[in-house]
Amino acid sequence: MVMVAACLLAGCGGGVHRAKAKTPFERVRFRAADGVRLDGRLFGSGRFGIVLVHMGRGGDSQADWLELARRLSRNYLVLTYDRRGVCPGGRAGCSGGVDDYASSWKDVVGAARFIRSKGAERIGFVGASIGATSSLYAASQRRIDPIALVEFAGINHASGYEFDRAQLQRIPGHKLFLSSRADIYGGADAAREWYGWAKPPKRLELVPGSEHGTDLLRRGNPLRRRVSNVIVRFLDGAMPPTL
């Protein structure tokens, strides 16, 4: 009797089988504005879309957004992707091209086009580090039209990007400038400067510590929930999910 019960629990032979966990996303591929092929993940559904743009150090990838993407997908259509030249492989994806920071804004433009083709009528962007600066640049050049933009630990005068007051004032929509107060790469300095230049509606949020961008969202980080809440509440306020 014990053996039969154990076999049923384990799904032996032709007996009970455990259901496979539902994949929380769809693997997708799309093209950057200049044709480079990018690997992405699509979560959730809705008429509002959110594009999450990852950082640029070795080992950074779209996987860094997984938990935030899952949370946002309760109310939104959410897209993550690996920047050009980023190829962790397997389920983590593999994008084509050469890792070129100065061209990564073209990836943002391609991501916006793709999520719009999937039904998103208005789009918000959350970019961390080079993902933030490339999103800011695309918006300042009017290549994307964000209803909301989260600049998370971007850096000015670096990686091929130079921003001035005129560029920031061209960026439409709601804007959140977010960083740790002592960001090791200067994210807080850029956030303060860009916040001062940008037109309303805008918000500046600086949290304790020196960790950079999505490092604050890693499991075990004591600020993880606070930072995630700041981003989600900002997006919900700028693009209410009831549309």
Protein backbone atom coordinates (compact mmCIF):
# COMPACT_ATOMS: atom_id res chain seq x y z
CA MET A 1 0.00 0.00 0.00
CA VAL A 2 2.84 2.32 0.91
CA MET A 3 4.59 1.50 -2.38
CA VAL A 4 1.43 2.27 -4.37
CA ALA A 5 1.01 5.63 -2.63
CA ALA A 6 4.65 6.51 -3.23
CA CYS A 7 4.32 5.56 -6.88
CA LEU A 8 1.24 7.75 -7.31
CA LEU A 9 2.99 10.74 -5.74
CA ALA A 10 6.03 10.26 -7.96
CA GLY A 11 3.98 9.74 -11.12
CA CYS A 12 5.30 6.22 -11.81
CA GLY A 13 4.41 4.29 -14.95
CA GLY A 14 1.04 5.26 -16.38
CA GLY A 15 -0.23 6.71 -13.09
CA VAL A 16 -0.51 10.33 -11.92
CA HIS A 17 1.80 12.81 -13.69
CA ARG A 18 2.89 16.13 -12.30
CA ALA A 19 1.78 19.07 -14.39
CA LYS A 20 4.60 21.04 -15.94
CA ALA A 21 5.02 24.59 -14.68
CA LYS A 22 3.58 27.09 -17.11
CA THR A 23 6.24 29.13 -18.87
CA PRO A 24 5.70 32.75 -17.73
CA PHE A 25 6.81 34.20 -21.06
CA GLU A 26 6.96 33.67 -24.80
CA ARG A 27 10.34 33.59 -26.54
CA VAL A 28 10.35 36.15 -29.35
CA ARG A 29 12.77 37.56 -31.90
CA PHE A 30 12.64 40.93 -33.60
CA ARG A 31 14.85 43.43 -35.41
CA ALA A 32 16.54 46.57 -34.13
CA ALA A 33 16.04 49.77 -36.14
CA ASP A 34 19.12 48.91 -38.22
CA GLY A 35 18.15 45.28 -38.76
CA VAL A 36 20.19 43.54 -36.03
CA ARG A 37 18.33 40.46 -34.81
CA LEU A 38 17.45 40.55 -31.09
CA ASP A 39 16.23 37.82 -28.75
CA GLY A 40 13.47 38.68 -26.31
CA ARG A 41 10.77 37.52 -23.94
CA LEU A 42 7.15 38.65 -24.00
CA PHE A 43 5.08 38.57 -20.79
CA GLY A 44 1.44 39.27 -20.07
CA SER A 45 -1.02 41.19 -22.20
CA GLY A 46 -2.73 44.55 -22.46
CA ARG A 47 -3.08 47.75 -24.44
CA PHE A 48 -0.29 49.35 -22.41
CA GLY A 49 3.18 47.94 -23.07
CA ILE A 50 6.40 48.18 -21.07
CA VAL A 51 9.90 47.65 -22.46
CA LEU A 52 12.64 46.73 -19.97
CA VAL A 53 16.19 47.53 -21.16
CA HIS A 54 19.07 45.88 -19.29
CA MET A 55 22.53 47.07 -18.20
CA GLY A 56 25.77 46.64 -20.12
CA ARG A 57 28.40 44.93 -17.97
CA GLY A 58 29.63 41.43 -18.66
CA GLY A 59 26.97 39.01 -17.45
CA ASP A 60 24.10 41.51 -17.58
CA SER A 61 21.15 40.33 -19.68
CA GLN A 62 17.38 40.42 -19.99
CA ALA A 63 17.25 37.81 -17.22
CA ASP A 64 17.99 40.58 -14.71
CA TRP A 65 14.42 41.84 -15.22
CA LEU A 66 12.66 38.51 -14.75
CA GLU A 67 10.96 39.11 -11.40
CA LEU A 68 9.96 42.69 -12.24
CA ALA A 69 8.66 41.57 -15.64
CA ARG A 70 6.53 38.88 -14.00
CA ARG A 71 5.09 41.42 -11.57
CA LEU A 72 4.34 44.00 -14.26
CA SER A 73 2.78 41.37 -16.52
CA ARG A 74 -0.20 41.12 -14.17
CA ASN A 75 -1.44 44.35 -15.74
CA TYR A 76 0.71 45.05 -18.81
CA LEU A 77 2.24 43.57 -21.92
CA VAL A 78 5.96 43.43 -21.06
CA LEU A 79 8.99 42.94 -23.30
CA THR A 80 12.56 42.20 -22.23
CA TYR A 81 15.40 41.54 -24.65
CA ASP A 82 19.14 40.98 -24.86
CA ARG A 83 20.97 43.96 -26.31
CA ARG A 84 22.90 43.50 -29.54
CA GLY A 85 25.96 41.33 -29.03
CA VAL A 86 24.65 39.86 -25.76
CA CYS A 87 24.40 36.08 -26.03
CA PRO A 88 24.14 34.20 -22.72
CA GLY A 89 22.55 31.30 -24.62
CA GLY A 90 19.87 28.75 -23.82
CA ARG A 91 16.68 30.09 -22.27
CA ALA A 92 18.52 33.34 -21.51
CA GLY A 93 18.57 34.11 -25.25
CA CYS A 94 21.14 35.16 -27.82
CA SER A 95 21.05 38.42 -29.78
CA GLY A 96 23.04 39.05 -32.92
CA GLY A 97 25.40 41.86 -33.81
CA VAL A 98 28.33 43.38 -31.97
CA ASP A 99 28.00 44.75 -28.43
CA ASP A 100 28.10 48.47 -29.21
CA TYR A 101 26.81 50.86 -26.55
CA ALA A 102 26.56 53.81 -28.95
CA SER A 103 24.18 51.86 -31.22
CA SER A 104 22.02 50.36 -28.48
CA TRP A 105 19.36 53.07 -28.84
CA LYS A 106 18.49 51.37 -32.14
CA ASP A 107 17.62 48.25 -30.14
CA VAL A 108 15.20 50.33 -28.04
CA VAL A 109 13.52 51.65 -31.19
CA GLY A 110 13.15 48.11 -32.56
CA ALA A 111 11.71 46.92 -29.24
CA ALA A 112 9.14 49.73 -29.30
CA ARG A 113 8.08 48.81 -32.84
CA PHE A 114 7.82 45.15 -31.93
CA ILE A 115 5.70 45.56 -28.79
CA ARG A 116 3.44 47.95 -30.68
CA SER A 117 2.97 45.26 -33.35
CA LYS A 118 1.79 42.98 -30.54
CA GLY A 119 -1.02 45.32 -29.58
CA ALA A 120 0.51 47.91 -27.24
CA GLU A 121 -1.12 51.28 -27.92
CA ARG A 122 0.98 53.27 -25.45
CA ILE A 123 4.45 52.29 -24.21
CA GLY A 124 6.51 52.87 -21.09
CA PHE A 125 10.25 52.21 -20.89
CA VAL A 126 12.42 51.16 -17.94
CA GLY A 127 16.13 51.27 -18.70
CA ALA A 128 19.05 50.57 -16.36
CA SER A 129 22.57 51.98 -16.88
CA ILE A 130 23.26 51.84 -20.65
CA GLY A 131 19.62 50.79 -21.00
CA ALA A 132 18.65 54.08 -19.40
CA THR A 133 20.89 56.27 -21.52
CA SER A 134 19.95 54.52 -24.76
CA SER A 135 16.25 54.93 -23.92
CA LEU A 136 16.76 58.60 -23.05
CA TYR A 137 18.57 59.15 -26.32
CA ALA A 138 15.89 57.44 -28.40
CA ALA A 139 13.24 59.57 -26.67
CA SER A 140 15.23 62.80 -27.03
CA GLN A 141 15.52 62.14 -30.77
CA ARG A 142 11.80 61.41 -30.97
CA ARG A 143 12.46 57.89 -32.21
CA ILE A 144 10.21 56.59 -29.42
CA ASP A 145 7.23 58.29 -27.79
CA PRO A 146 7.09 57.14 -24.16
CA ILE A 147 4.04 57.73 -22.00
CA ALA A 148 6.40 56.93 -19.10
CA LEU A 149 10.17 56.52 -18.84
CA VAL A 150 12.17 55.23 -15.87
CA GLU A 151 15.82 56.30 -16.03
CA PHE A 152 17.51 53.86 -13.62
CA ALA A 153 21.20 54.58 -12.90
CA GLY A 154 22.09 56.03 -16.28
CA ILE A 155 25.38 57.87 -16.69
CA ASN A 156 26.00 61.08 -18.61
CA HIS A 157 29.10 61.73 -20.75
CA ALA A 158 29.80 58.01 -21.16
CA SER A 159 29.38 55.11 -23.58
CA GLY A 160 28.89 57.39 -26.59
CA TYR A 161 26.10 59.49 -25.05
CA GLU A 162 26.23 63.19 -24.16
CA PHE A 163 23.07 64.85 -22.89
CA ASP A 164 22.31 68.54 -22.44
CA ARG A 165 19.30 70.51 -21.22
CA ALA A 166 17.76 70.85 -24.68
CA GLN A 167 17.80 67.07 -25.23
CA LEU A 168 16.17 66.32 -21.87
CA GLN A 169 13.46 68.91 -22.47
CA ARG A 170 12.48 67.16 -25.71
CA ILE A 171 11.59 63.96 -23.86
CA PRO A 172 7.80 63.58 -23.51
CA GLY A 173 5.72 61.79 -20.92
CA HIS A 174 6.14 61.04 -17.24
CA LYS A 175 9.75 60.65 -16.14
CA LEU A 176 11.31 58.96 -13.10
CA PHE A 177 15.01 59.47 -12.38
CA LEU A 178 16.11 56.68 -10.04
CA SER A 179 19.48 55.72 -8.54
CA SER A 180 21.27 54.78 -5.35
CA ARG A 181 22.65 57.89 -3.63
CA ALA A 182 26.29 56.81 -3.93
CA ASP A 183 26.05 54.84 -7.19
CA ILE A 184 29.59 53.69 -7.96
CA TYR A 185 29.39 54.84 -11.58
CA GLY A 186 27.83 58.25 -10.98
CA GLY A 187 24.18 57.38 -11.53
CA ALA A 188 22.96 59.71 -8.79
CA ASP A 189 24.81 62.70 -10.25
CA ALA A 190 23.24 62.08 -13.65
CA ALA A 191 19.79 61.56 -12.13
CA ARG A 192 19.94 64.90 -10.31
CA GLU A 193 21.19 66.73 -13.40
CA TRP A 194 18.65 65.19 -15.77
CA TYR A 195 15.80 65.71 -13.31
CA GLY A 196 16.71 69.39 -13.13
CA TRP A 197 16.65 69.71 -16.92
CA ALA A 198 13.56 67.64 -17.71
CA LYS A 199 10.08 69.07 -18.13
CA PRO A 200 7.26 67.93 -15.80
CA PRO A 201 5.75 65.56 -15.00
CA LYS A 202 8.92 64.22 -13.39
CA ARG A 203 10.18 62.62 -10.19
CA LEU A 204 13.58 62.07 -8.58
CA GLU A 205 14.08 59.04 -6.32
CA LEU A 206 17.43 58.33 -4.65
CA VAL A 207 17.76 55.30 -2.37
CA PRO A 208 20.52 54.47 0.13
CA GLY A 209 23.73 52.71 -0.82
CA SER A 210 26.09 52.51 -3.78
CA GLU A 211 24.79 49.58 -5.82
CA HIS A 212 24.23 50.10 -9.52
CA GLY A 213 20.94 49.74 -11.36
CA THR A 214 19.37 46.29 -11.36
CA ASP A 215 21.86 45.07 -8.76
CA LEU A 216 19.30 46.64 -6.41
CA LEU A 217 16.71 44.15 -7.68
CA ARG A 218 18.76 41.03 -6.98
CA ARG A 219 17.38 38.50 -4.52
CA GLY A 220 18.68 39.14 -1.03
CA ASN A 221 19.16 42.88 -1.57
CA PRO A 222 17.42 44.67 1.33
CA LEU A 223 16.24 47.44 -1.01
CA ARG A 224 14.81 45.09 -3.61
CA ARG A 225 11.16 45.45 -2.61
CA ARG A 226 11.41 49.21 -2.11
CA VAL A 227 12.96 49.82 -5.54
CA SER A 228 10.53 47.47 -7.27
CA ASN A 229 7.60 49.23 -5.59
CA VAL A 230 8.89 52.64 -6.66
CA ILE A 231 9.04 51.53 -10.31
CA VAL A 232 5.68 49.74 -10.33
CA ARG A 233 3.80 52.53 -8.55
CA PHE A 234 5.30 55.15 -10.86
CA LEU A 235 4.23 53.18 -13.94
CA ASP A 236 0.76 52.54 -12.54
CA GLY A 237 0.35 56.26 -11.91
CA ALA A 238 1.56 57.23 -15.37
CA MET A 239 -0.21 54.51 -17.35
CA PRO A 240 -3.13 53.11 -15.31
CA PRO A 241 -3.62 49.44 -16.20
CA THR A 242 -7.41 49.83 -16.42
CA LEU A 243 -7.20 51.12 -20.03
